[in-house]
Amino acid sequence: MTMGLTLMASSPTNLVAYSDADWAGCPDTRRSTSSYSVYLGPSLISWSSKRQPTVSRSSAEVEYRVVVNAVAECSWLCQLLQELLCEVPKATVVHCDNVSAFYLSANLFGIFGLAALTKSVNTCEDKGYGASAYAVHWDPDHPHSEENGFGMSAYVVDWDPDHPHSASDVPEATAKHHQIKVQTGMLFLKKNLHVGTVLPKGTTFSRAGAPKPVDSISTPLKSKHLRTILAHFKIHHGSMKAKQVADTLESCGKLDDKEEPHMCFTSHEAMARFATKALGASGAHAAITRIHGHETPNSMYAVAQIAQLSSNVVPCHPMDFPYEVFYCHRPKEVQALRVQLKGLKDGMPRVTATAMCHMNTSDWDGQYFELLGGERGETICHYMPTNYIMFYY
């Protein structure tokens, strides 16, 4: 019998943390207890269990504080291991059993009541709401307006043969391929995805300035309520924003397809319920793209690891709207991937990206294949930015 800790030699040097909290566990002060443990491979190397200094008003706040403390400890341990010349090959995984804290850690909620924990304020500027719609609108007669448009689309945002875009929009495209504009590095052929593949310079996964969720709006997401929504948010009729809001309402108002169910949501809980039903499984998982550290326009990434998630998925895409709206659907013939990206210069883990590959592209617009240098029918994949979420089973 031993009361000590056993440290075992192990080739995997991955850091894994587990966090939990006892909300308002103290009967006298109603303060909560935070606890976490960190493992290096199979060995426990760091742990903590202590009472929080302030009273938390929700279990989400309590659990989020624990996650923050665990991440801070893991960050310090990573730096210590680097100084000891012990490489940590993969991104650190922090386990949390609270759904609200999970989404808040991914910065999907943007809850202002927790501004003391995360000082990020989302605003709706004149240039757009910061979301990116999944739907593609081909409209050569009405070119995209940079002055009034949303400007945050991750994939195709317009098609304007009369006004070709600069080469910086699509680094590998030749002059004749400038009819489609995509965010740099987001779209690629699956056959080109290998360990060691270098993403184009300027590839970014963060999507700042996304619309904030609102609880006070109860107007249904249907086209017949367009005037009401435009008036409420003081959006001028005929503007680019008004057109994008109309497109979102049209997409959300389409009749549900039994073979490929879809629906729009303003609540993350409702999204999860829809995904669970559509996937036909109670144990659905949620995958998001995470950035480890700070991302800049000059960041360069290389593929370090590729793992298959599932072909049974429900992706949820933020829509162009004055407040947070997600379009969730269950596509056919797709494959979800998790791609670990490392910094090209330092080799450190930088992004844990979620990607979705469309296996059957035989009916896609030919411009995609001209842009990517592929042939019709080839598998096309796209990364999902940080404000997207994918449920899978």
Protein backbone atom coordinates (compact mmCIF):
# COMPACT_ATOMS: atom_id res chain seq x y z
CA MET A 1 0.00 0.00 0.00
CA THR A 2 1.31 3.44 -0.88
CA MET A 3 0.02 6.94 -0.31
CA GLY A 4 2.31 8.55 -2.88
CA LEU A 5 2.03 9.24 -6.61
CA THR A 6 3.46 6.90 -9.19
CA LEU A 7 5.16 8.56 -12.16
CA MET A 8 5.48 6.12 -15.03
CA ALA A 9 7.76 6.33 -18.02
CA SER A 10 5.72 6.74 -21.18
CA SER A 11 6.49 7.69 -24.77
CA PRO A 12 3.33 9.84 -25.24
CA THR A 13 3.93 13.27 -23.72
CA ASN A 14 0.50 14.72 -24.29
CA LEU A 15 -1.00 17.00 -21.66
CA VAL A 16 -4.60 16.26 -20.65
CA ALA A 17 -6.54 18.20 -18.01
CA TYR A 18 -9.78 17.41 -16.20
CA SER A 19 -11.80 20.15 -14.51
CA ASP A 20 -14.86 20.21 -12.28
CA ALA A 21 -16.55 22.44 -9.72
CA ASP A 22 -18.96 22.24 -6.79
CA TRP A 23 -21.34 25.16 -7.31
CA ALA A 24 -22.20 27.08 -4.10
CA GLY A 25 -20.98 24.13 -2.05
CA CYS A 26 -20.12 26.16 1.07
CA PRO A 27 -23.31 26.49 3.21
CA ASP A 28 -21.99 29.63 4.94
CA THR A 29 -20.55 31.77 2.13
CA ARG A 30 -22.19 30.03 -0.89
CA ARG A 31 -18.82 30.09 -2.60
CA SER A 32 -17.91 27.30 -5.02
CA THR A 33 -15.00 24.90 -5.03
CA SER A 34 -12.79 24.58 -8.11
CA SER A 35 -10.69 21.55 -8.91
CA TYR A 36 -8.58 20.31 -11.78
CA SER A 37 -5.91 17.72 -12.48
CA VAL A 38 -3.32 17.62 -15.26
CA TYR A 39 -1.76 14.45 -16.66
CA LEU A 40 1.45 14.09 -18.66
CA GLY A 41 0.79 10.86 -20.48
CA PRO A 42 -0.52 8.49 -17.76
CA SER A 43 1.11 10.41 -14.89
CA LEU A 44 -0.57 13.00 -12.70
CA ILE A 45 1.79 15.98 -12.49
CA SER A 46 -0.37 18.89 -11.30
CA TRP A 47 -3.63 19.31 -9.40
CA SER A 48 -5.62 21.88 -7.46
CA SER A 49 -8.75 22.00 -5.33
CA LYS A 50 -9.69 25.23 -3.60
CA ARG A 51 -12.59 27.55 -2.94
CA GLN A 52 -13.24 30.34 -5.40
CA PRO A 53 -12.71 33.87 -4.02
CA THR A 54 -16.09 35.20 -5.19
CA VAL A 55 -19.71 34.03 -5.27
CA SER A 56 -20.81 32.83 -8.71
CA ARG A 57 -24.38 33.29 -9.85
CA SER A 58 -24.54 30.34 -12.24
CA SER A 59 -22.99 26.92 -12.72
CA ALA A 60 -21.72 28.04 -16.14
CA GLU A 61 -19.69 30.84 -14.52
CA VAL A 62 -18.26 28.45 -11.94
CA GLU A 63 -17.26 25.84 -14.50
CA TYR A 64 -15.82 28.46 -16.83
CA ARG A 65 -13.58 29.79 -14.03
CA VAL A 66 -12.26 26.25 -13.49
CA VAL A 67 -11.54 25.84 -17.21
CA VAL A 68 -9.68 29.17 -17.24
CA ASN A 69 -7.53 28.08 -14.29
CA ALA A 70 -6.85 24.68 -15.87
CA VAL A 71 -5.86 26.27 -19.19
CA ALA A 72 -3.54 28.71 -17.41
CA GLU A 73 -1.86 25.82 -15.59
CA CYS A 74 -1.49 23.83 -18.82
CA SER A 75 0.01 26.86 -20.56
CA TRP A 76 2.61 27.20 -17.80
CA LEU A 77 3.38 23.47 -17.92
CA CYS A 78 3.84 23.60 -21.70
CA GLN A 79 6.40 26.37 -21.35
CA LEU A 80 8.17 24.46 -18.55
CA LEU A 81 8.33 21.29 -20.64
CA GLN A 82 9.74 23.23 -23.58
CA GLU A 83 12.52 24.59 -21.38
CA LEU A 84 13.23 21.01 -20.28
CA LEU A 85 13.42 20.01 -23.98
CA CYS A 86 10.35 17.80 -23.65
CA GLU A 87 8.18 18.21 -26.72
CA VAL A 88 4.38 18.32 -26.38
CA PRO A 89 3.35 17.10 -29.86
CA LYS A 90 -0.39 17.70 -29.62
CA ALA A 91 -2.67 20.47 -28.43
CA THR A 92 -3.65 20.15 -24.78
CA VAL A 93 -7.15 18.80 -24.19
CA VAL A 94 -9.10 20.23 -21.24
CA HIS A 95 -12.16 18.20 -20.27
CA CYS A 96 -15.22 19.97 -18.90
CA ASP A 97 -18.64 18.51 -18.06
CA ASN A 98 -20.66 21.73 -18.42
CA VAL A 99 -22.15 22.46 -21.88
CA SER A 100 -22.52 26.21 -21.26
CA ALA A 101 -18.89 26.52 -20.19
CA PHE A 102 -17.86 24.54 -23.27
CA TYR A 103 -19.55 26.98 -25.65
CA LEU A 104 -18.38 29.99 -23.67
CA SER A 105 -14.78 28.73 -23.87
CA ALA A 106 -15.22 28.59 -27.64
CA ASN A 107 -16.49 32.20 -27.56
CA LEU A 108 -19.76 31.18 -29.21
CA PHE A 109 -22.09 32.72 -26.65
CA GLY A 110 -20.65 36.22 -26.14
CA ILE A 111 -22.51 36.58 -22.83
CA PHE A 112 -22.15 40.14 -21.53
CA GLY A 113 -22.96 39.09 -17.94
CA LEU A 114 -19.54 37.43 -17.82
CA ALA A 115 -17.61 40.46 -19.03
CA ALA A 116 -15.40 40.23 -15.96
CA LEU A 117 -14.17 36.88 -17.26
CA THR A 118 -13.96 37.62 -20.98
CA LYS A 119 -13.72 41.24 -22.03
CA SER A 120 -14.91 40.80 -25.58
CA VAL A 121 -17.72 42.97 -26.87
CA ASN A 122 -19.34 42.13 -30.17
CA THR A 123 -20.68 45.02 -32.19
CA CYS A 124 -22.78 45.36 -35.34
CA GLU A 125 -20.99 47.86 -37.54
CA ASP A 126 -22.21 49.32 -40.78
CA LYS A 127 -19.93 47.03 -42.79
CA GLY A 128 -21.60 43.87 -41.52
CA TYR A 129 -22.60 41.62 -38.69
CA GLY A 130 -19.50 39.43 -38.73
CA ALA A 131 -21.23 36.15 -39.59
CA SER A 132 -20.70 34.07 -42.68
CA ALA A 133 -23.54 32.33 -44.49
CA TYR A 134 -23.10 28.87 -45.91
CA ALA A 135 -25.49 29.49 -48.79
CA VAL A 136 -23.91 30.59 -52.06
CA HIS A 137 -25.65 33.34 -54.03
CA TRP A 138 -24.48 33.60 -57.63
CA ASP A 139 -25.51 37.05 -58.84
CA PRO A 140 -23.32 38.50 -61.63
CA ASP A 141 -25.73 41.42 -62.13
CA HIS A 142 -25.34 42.72 -58.56
CA PRO A 143 -21.67 42.72 -57.55
CA HIS A 144 -20.81 42.50 -53.88
CA SER A 145 -20.56 45.83 -52.07
CA GLU A 146 -17.58 46.16 -49.72
CA GLU A 147 -19.12 49.28 -48.24
CA ASN A 148 -22.36 47.79 -47.00
CA GLY A 149 -21.84 44.01 -47.13
CA PHE A 150 -21.05 41.57 -44.38
CA GLY A 151 -17.52 40.77 -45.54
CA MET A 152 -16.91 37.79 -43.23
CA SER A 153 -17.84 34.86 -45.47
CA ALA A 154 -15.49 31.92 -45.19
CA TYR A 155 -16.34 30.50 -48.60
CA VAL A 156 -17.74 31.92 -51.82
CA VAL A 157 -19.18 35.41 -51.37
CA ASP A 158 -19.77 36.62 -54.92
CA TRP A 159 -19.27 36.01 -58.60
CA ASP A 160 -18.46 39.05 -60.66
CA PRO A 161 -16.87 38.30 -64.06
CA ASP A 162 -16.64 42.00 -64.90
CA HIS A 163 -14.61 42.88 -61.81
CA PRO A 164 -11.97 40.16 -61.21
CA HIS A 165 -10.43 40.02 -57.74
CA SER A 166 -6.79 40.41 -56.87
CA ALA A 167 -4.48 37.44 -56.64
CA SER A 168 -4.29 37.89 -52.85
CA ASP A 169 -7.85 36.56 -52.56
CA VAL A 170 -6.87 33.18 -54.00
CA PRO A 171 -3.07 32.82 -53.93
CA GLU A 172 -2.78 29.74 -56.18
CA ALA A 173 -5.35 30.87 -58.79
CA THR A 174 -4.27 32.10 -62.19
CA ALA A 175 -5.80 35.17 -63.84
CA LYS A 176 -8.62 33.28 -65.55
CA HIS A 177 -9.74 31.82 -62.18
CA HIS A 178 -10.59 35.13 -60.54
CA GLN A 179 -14.37 34.82 -60.85
CA ILE A 180 -14.81 33.21 -57.43
CA LYS A 181 -13.68 34.91 -54.27
CA VAL A 182 -13.01 32.81 -51.19
CA GLN A 183 -11.30 33.42 -47.88
CA THR A 184 -7.67 32.41 -48.29
CA GLY A 185 -6.93 28.76 -47.56
CA MET A 186 -10.47 27.75 -46.59
CA LEU A 187 -11.32 25.66 -49.67
CA PHE A 188 -9.16 22.78 -50.93
CA LEU A 189 -9.16 19.41 -52.68
CA LYS A 190 -9.02 16.47 -50.30
CA LYS A 191 -6.30 14.80 -52.39
CA ASN A 192 -4.04 17.76 -51.49
CA LEU A 193 -4.50 17.28 -47.74
CA HIS A 194 -1.42 15.54 -46.36
CA VAL A 195 0.79 15.78 -43.30
CA GLY A 196 3.27 18.53 -44.14
CA THR A 197 0.93 20.44 -46.48
CA VAL A 198 1.52 24.18 -46.02
CA LEU A 199 -1.56 26.41 -46.01
CA PRO A 200 -1.42 29.63 -48.06
CA LYS A 201 -0.11 32.72 -46.33
CA GLY A 202 -2.99 34.77 -44.97
CA THR A 203 -5.11 31.77 -43.90
CA THR A 204 -6.99 32.75 -40.74
CA PHE A 205 -9.58 30.84 -38.74
CA SER A 206 -10.79 33.48 -36.29
CA ARG A 207 -13.97 35.38 -37.10
CA ALA A 208 -14.19 38.47 -34.90
CA GLY A 209 -17.20 40.76 -34.67
CA ALA A 210 -19.87 38.07 -34.95
CA PRO A 211 -23.44 39.08 -34.07
CA LYS A 212 -24.34 38.65 -30.41
CA PRO A 213 -27.18 36.40 -29.23
CA VAL A 214 -30.38 38.11 -28.11
CA ASP A 215 -33.16 36.83 -25.90
CA SER A 216 -35.62 39.68 -26.32
CA ILE A 217 -36.49 39.10 -30.00
CA SER A 218 -39.30 36.62 -30.58
CA THR A 219 -40.04 37.39 -34.26
CA PRO A 220 -40.11 34.13 -36.29
CA LEU A 221 -37.40 33.72 -38.92
CA LYS A 222 -39.78 33.94 -41.87
CA SER A 223 -39.80 36.20 -44.93
CA LYS A 224 -43.18 37.69 -44.04
CA HIS A 225 -41.56 39.34 -41.00
CA LEU A 226 -38.80 41.03 -43.03
CA ARG A 227 -40.20 44.56 -42.62
CA THR A 228 -40.59 44.10 -38.87
CA ILE A 229 -36.99 42.96 -38.46
CA LEU A 230 -35.56 45.72 -40.67
CA ALA A 231 -37.53 48.35 -38.76
CA HIS A 232 -36.49 46.99 -35.37
CA PHE A 233 -32.78 47.13 -36.25
CA LYS A 234 -33.05 50.33 -38.32
CA ILE A 235 -31.83 48.67 -41.52
CA HIS A 236 -32.60 50.64 -44.68
CA HIS A 237 -34.64 48.91 -47.37
CA GLY A 238 -32.62 48.28 -50.50
CA SER A 239 -29.29 48.14 -48.64
CA MET A 240 -26.91 45.20 -48.82
CA LYS A 241 -27.74 44.32 -45.23
CA ALA A 242 -31.44 44.24 -46.04
CA LYS A 243 -30.79 41.90 -48.96
CA GLN A 244 -28.68 39.59 -46.80
CA VAL A 245 -31.31 39.54 -44.08
CA ALA A 246 -33.91 38.65 -46.72
CA ASP A 247 -31.69 35.83 -48.03
CA THR A 248 -31.29 34.46 -44.50
CA LEU A 249 -35.04 34.53 -43.88
CA GLU A 250 -35.63 32.78 -47.20
CA SER A 251 -33.11 30.04 -46.35
CA CYS A 252 -34.54 29.58 -42.87
CA GLY A 253 -38.12 29.54 -44.11
CA LYS A 254 -37.72 26.77 -46.67
CA LEU A 255 -39.78 23.65 -46.08
CA ASP A 256 -37.94 20.93 -44.22
CA ASP A 257 -36.54 18.07 -46.28
CA LYS A 258 -36.99 14.66 -44.67
CA GLU A 259 -33.93 13.27 -46.45
CA GLU A 260 -31.73 16.25 -45.56
CA PRO A 261 -33.38 17.99 -42.57
CA HIS A 262 -32.47 21.61 -41.88
CA MET A 263 -33.55 24.39 -39.56
CA CYS A 264 -32.40 27.77 -38.21
CA PHE A 265 -31.77 28.44 -34.54
CA THR A 266 -30.95 31.30 -32.20
CA SER A 267 -30.26 29.00 -29.23
CA HIS A 268 -27.34 26.62 -28.82
CA GLU A 269 -29.46 24.30 -26.73
CA ALA A 270 -32.04 24.06 -29.54
CA MET A 271 -29.24 23.36 -32.03
CA ALA A 272 -28.02 20.47 -29.89
CA ARG A 273 -31.52 19.01 -29.64
CA PHE A 274 -32.00 19.23 -33.41
CA ALA A 275 -28.62 17.59 -34.06
CA THR A 276 -29.38 14.78 -31.62
CA LYS A 277 -32.68 14.06 -33.37
CA ALA A 278 -31.24 14.36 -36.89
CA LEU A 279 -28.32 12.07 -36.08
CA GLY A 280 -30.59 9.57 -34.34
CA ALA A 281 -28.22 9.29 -31.40
CA SER A 282 -28.26 10.58 -27.85
CA GLY A 283 -24.47 10.70 -27.51
CA ALA A 284 -23.70 13.27 -30.21
CA HIS A 285 -20.41 15.17 -29.89
CA ALA A 286 -19.69 18.80 -30.78
CA ALA A 287 -16.57 19.84 -32.68
CA ILE A 288 -15.32 23.38 -33.19
CA THR A 289 -12.15 24.96 -34.52
CA ARG A 290 -9.85 26.15 -31.74
CA ILE A 291 -6.92 28.55 -31.99
CA HIS A 292 -4.11 27.98 -29.52
CA GLY A 293 -2.51 31.34 -28.87
CA HIS A 294 -2.77 34.47 -30.99
CA GLU A 295 -3.52 34.46 -34.72
CA THR A 296 -2.30 37.17 -37.08
CA PRO A 297 -2.76 37.73 -40.83
CA ASN A 298 0.88 36.67 -41.23
CA SER A 299 0.42 33.33 -39.46
CA MET A 300 1.64 30.35 -41.51
CA TYR A 301 0.39 26.83 -40.83
CA ALA A 302 1.39 23.32 -41.84
CA VAL A 303 -0.68 20.16 -41.42
CA ALA A 304 0.63 18.07 -38.53
CA GLN A 305 -2.07 15.43 -38.09
CA ILE A 306 -5.32 14.34 -39.77
CA ALA A 307 -8.06 12.32 -38.09
CA GLN A 308 -11.48 11.25 -39.32
CA LEU A 309 -14.43 12.21 -37.14
CA SER A 310 -17.56 10.83 -38.79
CA SER A 311 -19.72 10.81 -41.90
CA ASN A 312 -22.81 11.26 -39.74
CA VAL A 313 -22.71 15.01 -39.08
CA VAL A 314 -24.86 18.10 -38.56
CA PRO A 315 -22.90 21.30 -39.30
CA CYS A 316 -24.27 24.61 -38.04
CA HIS A 317 -23.28 27.76 -39.91
CA PRO A 318 -23.73 31.36 -38.70
CA MET A 319 -25.96 33.36 -41.01
CA ASP A 320 -25.83 37.00 -42.11
CA PHE A 321 -28.24 38.59 -39.65
CA PRO A 322 -28.30 41.42 -37.07
CA TYR A 323 -28.22 38.87 -34.25
CA GLU A 324 -26.89 35.34 -33.88
CA VAL A 325 -28.68 32.87 -36.17
CA PHE A 326 -27.36 29.43 -37.12
CA TYR A 327 -28.42 27.31 -40.08
CA CYS A 328 -28.12 23.61 -39.17
CA HIS A 329 -28.55 20.80 -41.67
CA ARG A 330 -27.62 17.19 -42.21
CA PRO A 331 -25.88 16.85 -45.57
CA LYS A 332 -25.38 13.60 -47.45
CA GLU A 333 -22.11 12.07 -48.63
CA VAL A 334 -19.78 14.09 -46.42
CA GLN A 335 -16.83 13.28 -44.19
CA ALA A 336 -15.83 15.34 -41.14
CA LEU A 337 -12.15 15.66 -40.28
CA ARG A 338 -10.11 17.05 -37.41
CA VAL A 339 -6.88 18.63 -38.66
CA GLN A 340 -4.06 19.62 -36.32
CA LEU A 341 -2.07 22.56 -37.67
CA LYS A 342 1.33 23.64 -36.42
CA GLY A 343 3.20 26.88 -36.86
CA LEU A 344 5.40 26.73 -39.95
CA LYS A 345 8.26 28.53 -38.19
CA ASP A 346 8.24 27.13 -34.65
CA GLY A 347 6.47 23.80 -35.17
CA MET A 348 4.21 24.39 -32.17
CA PRO A 349 0.51 23.40 -32.18
CA ARG A 350 -1.45 26.44 -33.33
CA VAL A 351 -4.91 25.37 -34.56
CA THR A 352 -7.16 22.37 -34.02
CA ALA A 353 -9.34 22.76 -37.09
CA THR A 354 -12.58 21.10 -38.08
CA ALA A 355 -13.07 20.41 -41.77
CA MET A 356 -15.88 18.96 -43.84
CA CYS A 357 -15.38 17.16 -47.13
CA HIS A 358 -18.08 16.80 -49.78
CA MET A 359 -17.56 13.42 -51.42
CA ASN A 360 -19.95 13.92 -54.37
CA THR A 361 -19.40 17.20 -56.25
CA SER A 362 -20.64 16.10 -59.66
CA ASP A 363 -23.35 18.81 -59.69
CA TRP A 364 -21.16 21.64 -58.33
CA ASP A 365 -20.47 24.77 -60.34
CA GLY A 366 -17.49 24.37 -62.63
CA GLN A 367 -15.84 27.48 -61.21
CA TYR A 368 -14.87 25.53 -58.08
CA PHE A 369 -12.80 23.04 -60.06
CA GLU A 370 -11.18 25.77 -62.18
CA LEU A 371 -10.23 27.60 -59.00
CA LEU A 372 -8.80 24.55 -57.24
CA GLY A 373 -7.25 22.93 -60.28
CA GLY A 374 -9.39 19.81 -59.96
CA GLU A 375 -11.86 17.82 -62.01
CA ARG A 376 -15.61 17.63 -61.62
CA GLY A 377 -16.63 15.03 -59.06
CA GLU A 378 -13.45 15.26 -56.98
CA THR A 379 -13.86 15.57 -53.22
CA ILE A 380 -13.77 19.21 -52.09
CA CYS A 381 -13.21 20.13 -48.45
CA HIS A 382 -13.46 23.33 -46.46
CA TYR A 383 -12.25 24.33 -43.04
CA MET A 384 -14.79 25.63 -40.55
CA PRO A 385 -13.86 28.92 -38.83
CA THR A 386 -14.11 29.41 -35.07
CA ASN A 387 -17.73 30.57 -35.15
CA TYR A 388 -18.99 27.35 -36.77
CA ILE A 389 -19.97 24.20 -34.90
CA MET A 390 -20.30 20.62 -36.08
CA PHE A 391 -22.24 17.90 -34.29
CA TYR A 392 -21.26 14.32 -35.11
CA TYR A 393 -21.84 10.76 -33.99
